[in-house]
Amino acid sequence: MAGALTGPGFDLQPSAQQVPLATNYITNFDFLNQYLPDTYEKEFERYGNRTISSFLRMVGAEMPSNSDLVKWAEQGRLHVKYTSVGTAALAAADEAVFQINDDPNAAVSTASPFGAQSGIALRVGQTVVVHQNSGLGENKGIVTDVDLTVSPIQATIAFYEAGGLAQAGSGVGNADVTIFIYGSEFAKGTEGMNGSLESDDFIFENSPIIIKDKYAVSGSDMAQIGWVEVTTENGASGYLWYMKSEHETRLRFDDYLETSMIEAVPMDNAVNTAAGIAKGSEGVFYTVGQRGNLWTGGVPNALADFDAIIGRLDAQGAIEENVIFLDRDFGFAIDDMLAAQNSYGAPGGTSYGLFDNDEEMALNLGFTGFRRGYDFYKTDWKYLNDPTMRGGLAAGTGSINGLLVPAGSTSVYDQVLGKNAKRPFLHVRYRASETEDRRYKTWITGSAGGAATSSLDAMEVHFLSERCVCTLGANNFVLFED
């Protein structure tokens, strides 16, 4: 007689009592399971607050614009210094012809470090300081002639000193001396100043870019609701189902609105421009790198480093209060620098700050700011520390450690308003009109989730914004790079 078939066998050996045994444990999860997995209904926030936006909200503002181009004017310098001036005159000459070799279309040393100096400021009758770039002497002189028919322009200067020109020149095409104007002198009964000077203004512009994102969920997935209790970065808490992913898409989009304004660059690739791939925009990092101050000496960790930065700020707008948004290493470097200024701040010392060296007191090793010439406040910038963004990038060219932002606002001529207006140094302009506001648009399409706009068996949540950032007075900012 043939034996009975041995299969199929059993998967379980039920027990008479509700006792968890190795023989009655169900490993697959289906509707026959008698033991369900023990689950946590609350989502664990293992990364804490994951958003990185807040920088522009802290230092700027948002304003509408109805144009595809935002333009503004910034003041030029009131005084002009020419640092690349050559002459062929001999030492002790009573007067000399100087050629102004500063390129009027380029950045001109400390005279105009972030913009063009148009025309010539020297006029007959003006008194000037003629300082040897070698450091070997200085003269005071009066301009007796300006030749505008040659290029570069030449000016004749007669010296007040009996000894004449302090040092011989090496040729009109060289950079022998620096010249700046300190006044004028005219004889009795003479005509007034010949010629006038126009205001030296600089026109800047930026173009908004369109930023988009989308979240989609099919109608079938919406029919099976799973609840999870969550606490989100914007302070909301409660139970969410499939919309949790939509909520995170919104938070991610909020971050991109800020990081786009920080990182955006104009499209300079001719091939991609011709293809119409993108036009780009001038973000904060790009603008400060082009028209601002760029510190490339690594993390400044000594007073001498900040003295150099302060000297640079002195040559710019001299804004009294400044905030440094920095990464963790930069913040620790400032803490260590300030701690070392205390007489007991040597290694092993713990007395700096308001401490009584109480063994039960928590020692605060951090500083929020300091004053040296100007007030400097520091704050950690999560964007530079987040490992999914700029945090953890290899040190080197392009690696950013921090950004110094002047506090307060500045006056500019608004081309749209047609008048001077107070604006924060950093602010965002978004496209808007009476019928269309593109600051932050969101809408739902599809045929699920209450939407009935198409035959698509899904719900799609769309996000859109059109904006650009205006960095006013970029010469007052400092970008810290490796």
Protein backbone atom coordinates (compact mmCIF):
# COMPACT_ATOMS: atom_id res chain seq x y z
CA MET A 1 0.00 0.00 0.00
CA ALA A 2 1.36 3.32 -0.96
CA GLY A 3 2.41 5.52 1.90
CA ALA A 4 0.58 8.76 2.67
CA LEU A 5 1.99 11.91 1.12
CA THR A 6 4.20 13.78 3.54
CA GLY A 7 3.31 17.27 2.38
CA PRO A 8 2.08 19.78 2.92
CA GLY A 9 3.14 20.01 6.55
CA PHE A 10 2.15 22.39 9.28
CA ASP A 11 3.68 25.72 10.03
CA LEU A 12 2.46 25.87 13.60
CA GLN A 13 1.83 23.69 16.64
CA PRO A 14 -0.92 25.50 18.56
CA SER A 15 -0.67 25.41 22.32
CA ALA A 16 -3.63 24.88 24.67
CA GLN A 17 -2.87 28.10 26.53
CA GLN A 18 -1.89 31.60 25.48
CA VAL A 19 1.81 31.08 26.07
CA PRO A 20 4.36 32.45 23.61
CA LEU A 21 6.47 29.48 22.52
CA ALA A 22 8.93 28.94 19.72
CA THR A 23 6.47 26.48 18.15
CA ASN A 24 3.54 28.87 17.92
CA TYR A 25 5.29 32.14 16.90
CA ILE A 26 4.00 33.53 13.61
CA THR A 27 6.74 35.12 11.51
CA ASN A 28 4.62 36.23 8.57
CA PHE A 29 2.09 39.03 9.05
CA ASP A 30 -1.31 38.20 7.56
CA PHE A 31 -4.92 38.04 8.71
CA LEU A 32 -4.45 34.54 10.22
CA ASN A 33 -1.85 35.74 12.70
CA GLN A 34 -2.87 35.32 16.32
CA TYR A 35 0.06 37.34 17.67
CA LEU A 36 0.36 40.84 16.18
CA PRO A 37 3.64 42.76 16.34
CA ASP A 38 3.92 45.27 19.17
CA THR A 39 4.26 48.63 17.45
CA TYR A 40 4.88 52.17 18.63
CA GLU A 41 2.26 54.54 17.37
CA LYS A 42 4.47 57.57 17.94
CA GLU A 43 7.23 58.30 15.47
CA PHE A 44 10.65 58.65 17.07
CA GLU A 45 12.46 61.87 16.13
CA ARG A 46 15.97 60.50 15.87
CA TYR A 47 17.35 63.50 13.94
CA GLY A 48 15.64 66.21 15.98
CA ASN A 49 14.66 69.29 14.01
CA ARG A 50 15.64 68.44 10.42
CA THR A 51 14.85 71.76 8.75
CA ILE A 52 17.66 74.21 8.05
CA SER A 53 15.69 77.33 7.06
CA SER A 54 15.62 80.39 9.33
CA PHE A 55 18.63 82.42 8.16
CA LEU A 56 16.73 84.80 5.86
CA ARG A 57 13.85 85.06 8.32
CA MET A 58 16.31 86.26 10.96
CA VAL A 59 18.20 88.83 8.90
CA GLY A 60 15.86 89.87 6.13
CA ALA A 61 12.34 90.48 4.93
CA GLU A 62 10.09 89.55 2.01
CA MET A 63 8.63 92.15 -0.34
CA PRO A 64 6.49 91.87 -3.49
CA SER A 65 7.69 92.78 -6.97
CA ASN A 66 5.66 92.82 -10.18
CA SER A 67 8.65 92.70 -12.53
CA ASP A 68 10.88 89.98 -13.94
CA LEU A 69 13.87 92.13 -13.03
CA VAL A 70 14.72 93.84 -9.73
CA LYS A 71 17.09 96.83 -9.94
CA TRP A 72 18.49 99.12 -7.29
CA ALA A 73 21.18 101.79 -6.99
CA GLU A 74 23.89 101.93 -4.35
CA GLN A 75 26.02 104.91 -3.45
CA GLY A 76 29.58 105.13 -4.66
CA ARG A 77 32.39 106.54 -2.58
CA LEU A 78 32.47 110.23 -1.78
CA HIS A 79 36.24 110.50 -2.19
CA VAL A 80 38.54 108.95 -4.77
CA LYS A 81 42.05 107.59 -4.45
CA TYR A 82 44.24 106.58 -7.40
CA THR A 83 46.73 103.89 -6.46
CA SER A 84 48.33 103.08 -9.82
CA VAL A 85 49.87 106.36 -10.91
CA GLY A 86 53.12 106.55 -12.87
CA THR A 87 55.59 109.29 -13.69
CA ALA A 88 58.94 109.71 -15.45
CA ALA A 89 59.93 112.75 -13.36
CA LEU A 90 63.27 112.82 -11.57
CA ALA A 91 63.73 113.10 -7.84
CA ALA A 92 63.59 116.71 -6.51
CA ALA A 93 61.57 117.87 -9.55
CA ASP A 94 59.50 120.98 -8.79
CA GLU A 95 56.55 119.58 -10.73
CA ALA A 96 55.76 116.30 -12.45
CA VAL A 97 53.37 114.84 -14.99
CA PHE A 98 51.49 111.86 -13.57
CA GLN A 99 49.55 109.30 -15.60
CA ILE A 100 46.45 107.79 -13.97
CA ASN A 101 46.73 104.07 -14.76
CA ASP A 102 43.87 102.86 -12.59
CA ASP A 103 41.56 100.98 -14.95
CA PRO A 104 38.20 102.83 -14.85
CA ASN A 105 36.38 99.59 -15.69
CA ALA A 106 37.94 97.40 -13.00
CA ALA A 107 38.02 97.15 -9.22
CA VAL A 108 40.34 99.92 -8.07
CA SER A 109 42.19 98.97 -4.87
CA THR A 110 40.81 100.71 -1.78
CA ALA A 111 39.51 103.63 -3.82
CA SER A 112 36.63 101.57 -5.17
CA PRO A 113 37.10 97.90 -4.29
CA PHE A 114 33.73 96.69 -5.53
CA GLY A 115 32.77 98.95 -8.40
CA ALA A 116 33.93 101.06 -11.31
CA GLN A 117 35.33 104.55 -10.89
CA SER A 118 34.15 106.54 -13.88
CA GLY A 119 35.96 109.54 -15.35
CA ILE A 120 38.63 111.49 -13.49
CA ALA A 121 38.22 113.36 -10.21
CA LEU A 122 41.37 115.53 -10.52
CA ARG A 123 40.72 119.16 -11.50
CA VAL A 124 42.95 122.22 -11.76
CA GLY A 125 43.32 123.96 -8.40
CA GLN A 126 42.83 120.88 -6.26
CA THR A 127 45.42 120.02 -3.64
CA VAL A 128 46.57 116.43 -3.41
CA VAL A 129 48.69 114.03 -1.40
CA VAL A 130 51.29 112.19 -3.51
CA HIS A 131 52.46 109.13 -1.58
CA GLN A 132 55.28 106.90 -2.84
CA ASN A 133 54.07 103.30 -3.14
CA SER A 134 57.55 102.21 -2.07
CA GLY A 135 56.95 103.95 1.26
CA LEU A 136 59.99 106.21 0.73
CA GLY A 137 58.42 109.61 0.98
CA GLU A 138 55.38 111.77 0.39
CA ASN A 139 54.59 115.15 -1.18
CA LYS A 140 51.79 117.69 -1.09
CA GLY A 141 50.97 119.31 -4.42
CA ILE A 142 48.48 121.33 -6.42
CA VAL A 143 47.07 120.29 -9.79
CA THR A 144 48.07 122.80 -12.46
CA ASP A 145 46.85 120.97 -15.57
CA VAL A 146 44.72 117.96 -16.55
CA ASP A 147 45.09 116.55 -20.07
CA LEU A 148 41.86 114.82 -21.03
CA THR A 149 42.93 114.31 -24.66
CA VAL A 150 45.21 111.36 -23.89
CA SER A 151 44.39 107.93 -22.57
CA PRO A 152 45.16 107.21 -19.81
CA ILE A 153 44.54 110.74 -18.53
CA GLN A 154 47.57 112.74 -17.34
CA ALA A 155 47.75 115.48 -14.70
CA THR A 156 50.53 117.95 -13.90
CA ILE A 157 51.17 118.55 -10.21
CA ALA A 158 53.37 121.26 -8.68
CA PHE A 159 54.85 120.43 -5.26
CA TYR A 160 54.74 122.57 -2.14
CA GLU A 161 57.98 121.20 -0.64
CA ALA A 162 61.24 122.96 -1.40
CA GLY A 163 62.91 119.61 -2.02
CA GLY A 164 60.49 118.69 -4.80
CA LEU A 165 59.46 115.12 -5.69
CA ALA A 166 60.49 112.69 -2.96
CA GLN A 167 61.55 109.84 -5.27
CA ALA A 168 62.15 109.50 -9.00
CA GLY A 169 59.48 107.74 -11.04
CA SER A 170 60.06 104.59 -13.06
CA GLY A 171 57.84 105.51 -16.03
CA VAL A 172 54.36 106.84 -16.72
CA GLY A 173 52.96 103.35 -17.25
CA ASN A 174 53.92 102.10 -13.80
CA ALA A 175 52.43 102.31 -10.31
CA ASP A 176 54.90 104.67 -8.62
CA VAL A 177 52.60 106.71 -6.37
CA THR A 178 49.14 106.91 -4.83
CA ILE A 179 47.23 110.19 -5.16
CA PHE A 180 44.17 111.44 -3.31
CA ILE A 181 42.55 114.88 -3.07
CA TYR A 182 42.42 116.72 0.25
CA GLY A 183 41.23 120.21 -0.79
CA SER A 184 41.90 123.10 -3.16
CA GLU A 185 43.60 126.51 -3.32
CA PHE A 186 42.98 129.48 -5.63
CA ALA A 187 44.62 132.89 -5.97
CA LYS A 188 42.69 136.11 -5.36
CA GLY A 189 40.43 137.33 -8.12
CA THR A 190 40.44 134.09 -10.13
CA GLU A 191 37.66 132.09 -11.73
CA GLY A 192 35.97 129.29 -9.82
CA MET A 193 36.56 125.55 -10.13
CA ASN A 194 36.63 124.31 -13.70
CA GLY A 195 34.27 121.36 -14.16
CA SER A 196 32.10 119.42 -11.74
CA LEU A 197 31.87 115.84 -10.53
CA GLU A 198 28.87 113.57 -10.95
CA SER A 199 27.67 111.22 -8.24
CA ASP A 200 29.31 107.84 -8.50
CA ASP A 201 26.36 105.44 -8.25
CA PHE A 202 26.27 101.75 -9.01
CA ILE A 203 23.26 100.00 -10.48
CA PHE A 204 22.71 96.36 -9.53
CA GLU A 205 20.02 93.94 -10.57
CA ASN A 206 18.80 90.42 -9.97
CA SER A 207 16.24 88.19 -11.60
CA PRO A 208 13.77 85.90 -9.78
CA ILE A 209 13.77 82.17 -10.41
CA ILE A 210 10.83 79.76 -10.28
CA ILE A 211 11.09 77.02 -7.65
CA LYS A 212 8.76 74.02 -7.76
CA ASP A 213 8.04 70.74 -5.97
CA LYS A 214 5.26 68.13 -5.93
CA TYR A 215 3.88 65.33 -3.79
CA ALA A 216 1.67 62.60 -5.27
CA VAL A 217 -0.30 59.68 -3.79
CA SER A 218 -2.53 57.26 -5.67
CA GLY A 219 -6.23 56.92 -4.91
CA SER A 220 -5.76 53.25 -3.96
CA ASP A 221 -3.17 54.08 -1.31
CA MET A 222 -5.51 56.70 0.12
CA ALA A 223 -8.12 53.98 0.74
CA GLN A 224 -5.87 52.23 3.29
CA ILE A 225 -5.29 54.65 6.09
CA GLY A 226 -2.44 54.14 8.52
CA TRP A 227 -2.13 56.54 11.43
CA VAL A 228 1.12 57.75 12.98
CA GLU A 229 1.44 60.26 15.81
CA VAL A 230 4.06 62.84 14.85
CA THR A 231 5.59 66.06 16.06
CA THR A 232 6.85 68.16 13.16
CA GLU A 233 9.50 70.84 12.82
CA ASN A 234 7.02 73.67 12.45
CA GLY A 235 5.42 72.91 15.84
CA ALA A 236 2.45 70.86 14.62
CA SER A 237 1.67 67.61 16.39
CA GLY A 238 -1.00 64.95 16.17
CA TYR A 239 -1.97 62.02 13.99
CA LEU A 240 -1.21 61.91 10.28
CA TRP A 241 -1.64 59.19 7.68
CA TYR A 242 -0.49 59.41 4.06
CA MET A 243 -0.32 63.21 4.36
CA LYS A 244 2.80 62.92 6.51
CA SER A 245 4.86 62.64 3.32
CA GLU A 246 3.05 65.66 1.92
CA HIS A 247 3.89 67.57 5.07
CA GLU A 248 7.57 66.66 4.76
CA THR A 249 7.52 67.69 1.11
CA ARG A 250 6.26 71.08 2.25
CA LEU A 251 9.02 71.38 4.87
CA ARG A 252 11.62 70.36 2.29
CA PHE A 253 10.25 72.96 -0.13
CA ASP A 254 10.49 75.62 2.59
CA ASP A 255 14.17 74.78 3.00
CA TYR A 256 14.76 74.97 -0.75
CA LEU A 257 13.21 78.43 -0.84
CA GLU A 258 16.01 79.60 1.45
CA THR A 259 18.92 77.56 0.13
CA SER A 260 18.08 78.62 -3.44
CA MET A 261 18.47 82.24 -2.37
CA ILE A 262 21.78 81.43 -0.69
CA GLU A 263 23.40 79.21 -3.32
CA ALA A 264 21.96 80.45 -6.64
CA VAL A 265 24.38 81.54 -9.37
CA PRO A 266 23.68 83.05 -12.81
CA MET A 267 23.92 80.79 -15.84
CA ASP A 268 27.26 81.74 -17.42
CA ASN A 269 27.66 78.59 -19.53
CA ALA A 270 27.10 79.79 -23.11
CA VAL A 271 26.02 76.36 -24.38
CA ASN A 272 23.43 75.89 -21.62
CA THR A 273 22.25 79.47 -22.00
CA ALA A 274 21.64 78.94 -25.71
CA ALA A 275 19.76 75.73 -24.93
CA GLY A 276 17.47 77.63 -22.57
CA ILE A 277 18.08 75.19 -19.72
CA ALA A 278 18.05 77.82 -16.96
CA LYS A 279 18.89 81.47 -16.38
CA GLY A 280 20.02 81.33 -12.74
CA SER A 281 20.05 84.11 -10.19
CA GLU A 282 22.54 85.87 -7.91
CA GLY A 283 22.43 84.21 -4.50
CA VAL A 284 23.98 85.55 -1.32
CA PHE A 285 27.22 83.53 -1.56
CA TYR A 286 27.71 84.47 -5.22
CA THR A 287 27.05 88.17 -4.66
CA VAL A 288 29.35 88.46 -1.63
CA GLY A 289 32.03 86.52 -3.51
CA GLN A 290 31.79 88.97 -6.42
CA ARG A 291 31.23 92.33 -4.70
CA GLY A 292 31.94 91.65 -1.05
CA ASN A 293 34.87 90.69 1.13
CA LEU A 294 36.28 87.19 0.81
CA TRP A 295 38.33 85.74 3.67
CA THR A 296 40.34 82.78 2.36
CA GLY A 297 42.76 82.26 5.24
CA GLY A 298 40.92 79.36 6.84
CA VAL A 299 39.01 79.82 10.09
CA PRO A 300 40.08 83.11 11.76
CA ASN A 301 41.17 82.02 15.24
CA ALA A 302 43.32 84.90 16.50
CA LEU A 303 42.79 88.56 17.27
CA ALA A 304 45.24 89.41 14.48
CA ASP A 305 42.87 87.74 12.02
CA PHE A 306 39.93 89.78 13.26
CA ASP A 307 42.05 92.92 13.21
CA ALA A 308 42.56 92.34 9.49
CA ILE A 309 38.81 91.85 9.05
CA ILE A 310 38.09 95.00 11.05
CA GLY A 311 40.55 96.94 8.91
CA ARG A 312 38.65 95.80 5.86
CA LEU A 313 35.32 96.81 7.39
CA ASP A 314 36.79 100.23 8.24
CA ALA A 315 37.38 100.73 4.52
CA GLN A 316 33.75 99.88 3.76
CA GLY A 317 30.53 100.99 5.44
CA ALA A 318 31.79 100.66 9.04
CA ILE A 319 28.53 99.09 10.24
CA GLU A 320 28.54 99.12 14.04
CA GLU A 321 26.88 95.72 14.64
CA ASN A 322 27.55 92.52 12.70
CA VAL A 323 26.38 88.93 13.03
CA ILE A 324 28.54 85.97 12.02
CA PHE A 325 26.60 82.89 10.93
CA LEU A 326 29.11 80.08 11.23
CA ASP A 327 29.72 76.36 11.39
CA ARG A 328 30.70 74.47 14.54
CA ASP A 329 34.48 74.59 14.01
CA PHE A 330 34.42 78.34 13.43
CA GLY A 331 32.30 78.83 16.56
CA PHE A 332 34.72 76.80 18.69
CA ALA A 333 37.66 78.75 17.25
CA ILE A 334 36.10 82.05 18.38
CA ASP A 335 35.32 80.59 21.82
CA ASP A 336 38.94 79.47 22.23
CA MET A 337 40.25 82.83 21.00
CA LEU A 338 38.15 84.78 23.47
CA ALA A 339 38.92 82.41 26.34
CA ALA A 340 42.65 82.88 25.72
CA GLN A 341 42.30 86.62 26.34
CA ASN A 342 41.63 86.00 30.04
CA SER A 343 44.71 86.05 32.25
CA TYR A 344 43.66 82.64 33.52
CA GLY A 345 42.63 81.40 30.10
CA ALA A 346 45.75 79.29 29.63
CA PRO A 347 45.35 75.51 29.20
CA GLY A 348 43.78 74.09 32.33
CA GLY A 349 42.22 77.38 33.40
CA THR A 350 38.46 77.77 33.82
CA SER A 351 38.02 81.22 35.30
CA TYR A 352 36.98 83.32 32.32
CA GLY A 353 33.43 84.61 32.31
CA LEU A 354 31.18 85.08 35.34
CA PHE A 355 32.25 82.01 37.33
CA ASP A 356 33.22 81.38 40.95
CA ASN A 357 34.80 78.02 40.12
CA ASP A 358 32.01 76.25 41.97
CA GLU A 359 32.41 72.51 41.41
CA GLU A 360 28.62 72.16 41.17
CA MET A 361 28.26 74.85 38.54
CA ALA A 362 28.07 73.88 34.87
CA LEU A 363 30.95 75.56 33.08
CA ASN A 364 29.86 77.62 30.08
CA LEU A 365 32.67 77.46 27.52
CA GLY A 366 30.81 79.38 24.83
CA PHE A 367 30.57 83.06 23.93
CA THR A 368 27.73 84.82 22.13
CA GLY A 369 29.80 87.76 20.93
CA PHE A 370 32.52 90.29 21.57
CA ARG A 371 33.46 93.88 20.81
CA ARG A 372 36.67 94.90 19.10
CA GLY A 373 36.20 98.06 17.10
CA TYR A 374 32.70 96.84 16.23
CA ASP A 375 30.19 94.55 17.90
CA PHE A 376 30.38 90.99 16.61
CA TYR A 377 27.73 88.43 17.51
CA LYS A 378 27.96 84.80 16.49
CA THR A 379 25.34 82.15 15.99
CA ASP A 380 25.53 78.59 14.71
CA TRP A 381 24.14 78.22 11.20
CA LYS A 382 22.49 74.84 10.88
CA TYR A 383 22.85 74.90 7.10
CA LEU A 384 26.65 74.80 7.44
CA ASN A 385 26.50 71.95 9.98
CA ASP A 386 23.79 69.74 8.49
CA PRO A 387 25.47 66.61 7.03
CA THR A 388 22.91 66.44 4.23
CA MET A 389 23.72 70.00 3.12
CA ARG A 390 27.04 71.88 3.53
CA GLY A 391 28.03 70.13 6.74
CA GLY A 392 30.86 67.64 6.39
CA LEU A 393 32.07 68.80 2.97
CA ALA A 394 35.77 68.37 2.31
CA ALA A 395 37.82 71.41 3.30
CA GLY A 396 39.27 73.32 0.39
CA THR A 397 38.22 75.65 -2.40
CA GLY A 398 34.53 76.47 -2.13
CA SER A 399 34.17 75.15 1.42
CA ILE A 400 32.36 77.83 3.43
CA ASN A 401 32.86 78.30 7.16
CA GLY A 402 30.69 81.33 7.81
CA LEU A 403 29.14 84.58 6.64
CA LEU A 404 29.35 87.97 8.34
CA VAL A 405 26.14 89.95 7.85
CA PRO A 406 25.76 93.62 8.85
CA ALA A 407 22.80 94.28 11.12
CA GLY A 408 20.16 96.89 10.36
CA SER A 409 19.07 98.41 7.05
CA THR A 410 20.38 100.72 4.37
CA SER A 411 18.90 103.41 2.09
CA VAL A 412 18.76 102.64 -1.62
CA TYR A 413 16.99 104.11 -4.62
CA ASP A 414 14.21 101.69 -5.56
CA GLN A 415 13.73 101.72 -9.34
CA VAL A 416 10.14 100.49 -9.04
CA LEU A 417 9.02 102.95 -6.36
CA GLY A 418 11.04 105.77 -7.92
CA LYS A 419 12.32 107.02 -4.57
CA ASN A 420 14.75 106.23 -1.77
CA ALA A 421 13.62 103.47 0.55
CA LYS A 422 14.91 101.73 3.67
CA ARG A 423 15.71 98.11 2.99
CA PRO A 424 17.35 95.36 5.06
CA PHE A 425 20.79 94.46 3.78
CA LEU A 426 19.31 91.09 2.84
CA HIS A 427 15.73 90.73 1.63
CA VAL A 428 13.72 88.60 -0.77
CA ARG A 429 11.59 89.94 -3.61
CA TYR A 430 8.83 87.67 -4.88
CA ARG A 431 6.58 88.07 -7.94
CA ALA A 432 3.10 89.32 -7.12
CA SER A 433 0.30 91.41 -8.58
CA GLU A 434 -3.32 92.13 -7.74
CA THR A 435 -4.41 88.84 -9.30
CA GLU A 436 -1.36 86.59 -8.87
CA ASP A 437 0.70 86.10 -5.73
CA ARG A 438 3.70 83.83 -6.35
CA ARG A 439 5.28 84.12 -2.93
CA TYR A 440 4.14 80.63 -1.91
CA LYS A 441 1.57 78.89 -4.07
CA THR A 442 0.13 75.45 -3.36
CA TRP A 443 -2.75 73.64 -5.10
CA ILE A 444 -4.18 70.12 -5.50
CA THR A 445 -4.90 68.31 -8.76
CA GLY A 446 -6.17 64.82 -9.69
CA SER A 447 -9.34 62.93 -8.83
CA ALA A 448 -8.58 61.68 -5.30
CA GLY A 449 -8.55 63.31 -1.89
CA GLY A 450 -11.40 65.65 -2.71
CA ALA A 451 -9.82 66.97 -5.91
CA ALA A 452 -11.72 66.70 -9.20
CA THR A 453 -9.56 68.43 -11.76
CA SER A 454 -8.51 65.52 -14.00
CA SER A 455 -8.98 61.80 -14.62
CA LEU A 456 -5.74 60.92 -12.86
CA ASP A 457 -6.46 58.37 -10.12
CA ALA A 458 -4.23 60.19 -7.62
CA MET A 459 -3.90 63.33 -5.61
CA GLU A 460 -1.03 65.67 -6.51
CA VAL A 461 -0.03 68.55 -4.25
CA HIS A 462 1.96 71.22 -6.10
CA PHE A 463 4.25 73.89 -4.67
CA LEU A 464 5.62 76.96 -6.48
CA SER A 465 7.41 80.19 -5.70
CA GLU A 466 9.12 82.82 -7.86
CA ARG A 467 11.68 84.90 -6.02
CA CYS A 468 15.19 86.35 -5.82
CA VAL A 469 17.34 87.76 -3.04
CA CYS A 470 18.69 91.31 -2.98
CA THR A 471 22.06 91.68 -1.25
CA LEU A 472 22.42 95.41 -0.60
CA GLY A 473 25.81 96.83 0.31
CA ALA A 474 27.64 93.57 -0.40
CA ASN A 475 30.91 95.37 0.41
CA ASN A 476 29.85 95.19 4.10
CA PHE A 477 29.58 91.38 4.07
CA VAL A 478 32.43 88.91 4.66
CA LEU A 479 32.36 85.35 3.28
CA PHE A 480 34.69 82.96 5.09
CA GLU A 481 36.11 80.25 2.84
CA ASP A 482 38.87 77.70 3.33
